[in-house]
């Protein structure tokens, strides 16, 4: 279980419990490729 913290447009976006690799999350019209 890994925790990734991203701060976007003065907001905290907290991604929890992500087990898959190369998942794509779209935050505020932006695509972040999370590779952990």
N, C-alpha and C. Protein backbone atom coordinates (compact mmCIF):
# COMPACT_ATOMS: atom_id res chain seq x y z
N UNK A 1 0.84 -1.19 0.00
CA UNK A 1 0.00 0.00 0.00
C UNK A 1 0.89 1.25 0.00
N UNK A 2 0.69 2.09 -1.00
CA UNK A 2 1.49 3.31 -1.08
C UNK A 2 0.60 4.53 -1.12
N UNK A 3 1.12 5.61 -0.58
CA UNK A 3 0.33 6.84 -0.54
C UNK A 3 1.02 7.93 -1.35
N UNK A 4 0.28 8.48 -2.28
CA UNK A 4 0.85 9.52 -3.13
C UNK A 4 0.12 10.83 -2.90
N UNK A 5 0.90 11.88 -2.62
CA UNK A 5 0.28 13.17 -2.36
C UNK A 5 0.63 14.17 -3.46
N UNK A 6 -0.40 14.72 -4.09
CA UNK A 6 -0.19 15.71 -5.14
C UNK A 6 -0.91 17.00 -4.77
N UNK A 7 -0.20 18.09 -4.92
CA UNK A 7 -0.83 19.38 -4.64
C UNK A 7 -1.11 20.08 -5.96
N UNK A 8 -2.39 20.23 -6.28
CA UNK A 8 -2.78 20.84 -7.55
C UNK A 8 -3.73 22.00 -7.32
N UNK A 9 -3.43 23.09 -7.94
CA UNK A 9 -4.25 24.30 -7.83
C UNK A 9 -4.63 24.58 -6.37
N UNK A 10 -3.62 24.58 -5.52
CA UNK A 10 -3.79 24.87 -4.09
C UNK A 10 -4.74 23.90 -3.41
N UNK A 11 -4.86 22.70 -3.98
CA UNK A 11 -5.72 21.69 -3.35
C UNK A 11 -4.92 20.41 -3.19
N UNK A 12 -5.20 19.70 -2.14
CA UNK A 12 -4.48 18.46 -1.90
C UNK A 12 -5.28 17.26 -2.42
N UNK A 13 -4.67 16.56 -3.33
CA UNK A 13 -5.34 15.37 -3.86
C UNK A 13 -4.62 14.16 -3.31
N UNK A 14 -5.33 13.37 -2.55
CA UNK A 14 -4.72 12.23 -1.89
C UNK A 14 -5.14 10.92 -2.55
N UNK A 15 -4.18 10.22 -3.08
CA UNK A 15 -4.47 8.93 -3.73
C UNK A 15 -4.08 7.82 -2.77
N UNK A 16 -5.05 7.01 -2.40
CA UNK A 16 -4.80 5.94 -1.43
C UNK A 16 -4.89 4.55 -2.04
N UNK A 17 -4.14 3.63 -1.43
CA UNK A 17 -4.23 2.22 -1.77
C UNK A 17 -4.25 1.93 -3.25
N UNK A 18 -3.23 2.35 -3.94
CA UNK A 18 -3.26 1.98 -5.33
C UNK A 18 -2.17 0.97 -5.61
N UNK A 19 -2.62 -0.18 -6.06
CA UNK A 19 -1.75 -1.35 -6.20
C UNK A 19 -1.33 -1.59 -7.64
N UNK A 20 -2.11 -1.06 -8.58
CA UNK A 20 -1.80 -1.31 -9.99
C UNK A 20 -0.70 -0.37 -10.47
N UNK A 21 -0.01 -0.81 -11.51
CA UNK A 21 1.06 0.00 -12.07
C UNK A 21 0.56 0.74 -13.30
N UNK A 22 1.16 1.90 -13.53
CA UNK A 22 0.82 2.72 -14.70
C UNK A 22 -0.65 3.11 -14.74
N UNK A 23 -1.18 3.52 -13.61
CA UNK A 23 -2.58 3.96 -13.60
C UNK A 23 -2.61 5.44 -13.94
N UNK A 24 -3.64 5.83 -14.65
CA UNK A 24 -3.74 7.23 -15.06
C UNK A 24 -4.87 7.92 -14.30
N UNK A 25 -4.52 9.00 -13.63
CA UNK A 25 -5.53 9.76 -12.88
C UNK A 25 -5.68 11.14 -13.51
N UNK A 26 -6.89 11.56 -13.69
CA UNK A 26 -7.13 12.87 -14.29
C UNK A 26 -7.59 13.85 -13.21
N UNK A 27 -6.74 14.84 -12.93
CA UNK A 27 -7.07 15.83 -11.91
C UNK A 27 -7.08 17.23 -12.52
N UNK A 28 -8.17 17.89 -12.36
CA UNK A 28 -8.32 19.25 -12.86
C UNK A 28 -7.85 19.37 -14.31
N UNK A 29 -8.39 18.51 -15.15
CA UNK A 29 -8.09 18.50 -16.58
C UNK A 29 -6.62 18.22 -16.89
N UNK A 30 -5.95 17.55 -15.96
CA UNK A 30 -4.56 17.20 -16.21
C UNK A 30 -4.38 15.70 -15.98
N UNK A 31 -3.58 15.10 -16.84
CA UNK A 31 -3.37 13.66 -16.73
C UNK A 31 -2.01 13.38 -16.10
N UNK A 32 -2.04 12.62 -15.02
CA UNK A 32 -0.80 12.26 -14.35
C UNK A 32 -0.58 10.76 -14.44
N UNK A 33 0.52 10.38 -15.03
CA UNK A 33 0.83 8.96 -15.14
C UNK A 33 1.63 8.56 -13.90
N UNK A 34 0.99 7.81 -13.02
CA UNK A 34 1.64 7.41 -11.78
C UNK A 34 2.32 6.06 -11.95
N UNK A 35 3.62 6.09 -11.95
CA UNK A 35 4.37 4.85 -12.13
C UNK A 35 5.18 4.56 -10.87
N UNK A 36 4.63 3.71 -10.01
CA UNK A 36 5.33 3.34 -8.78
C UNK A 36 5.42 1.84 -8.68
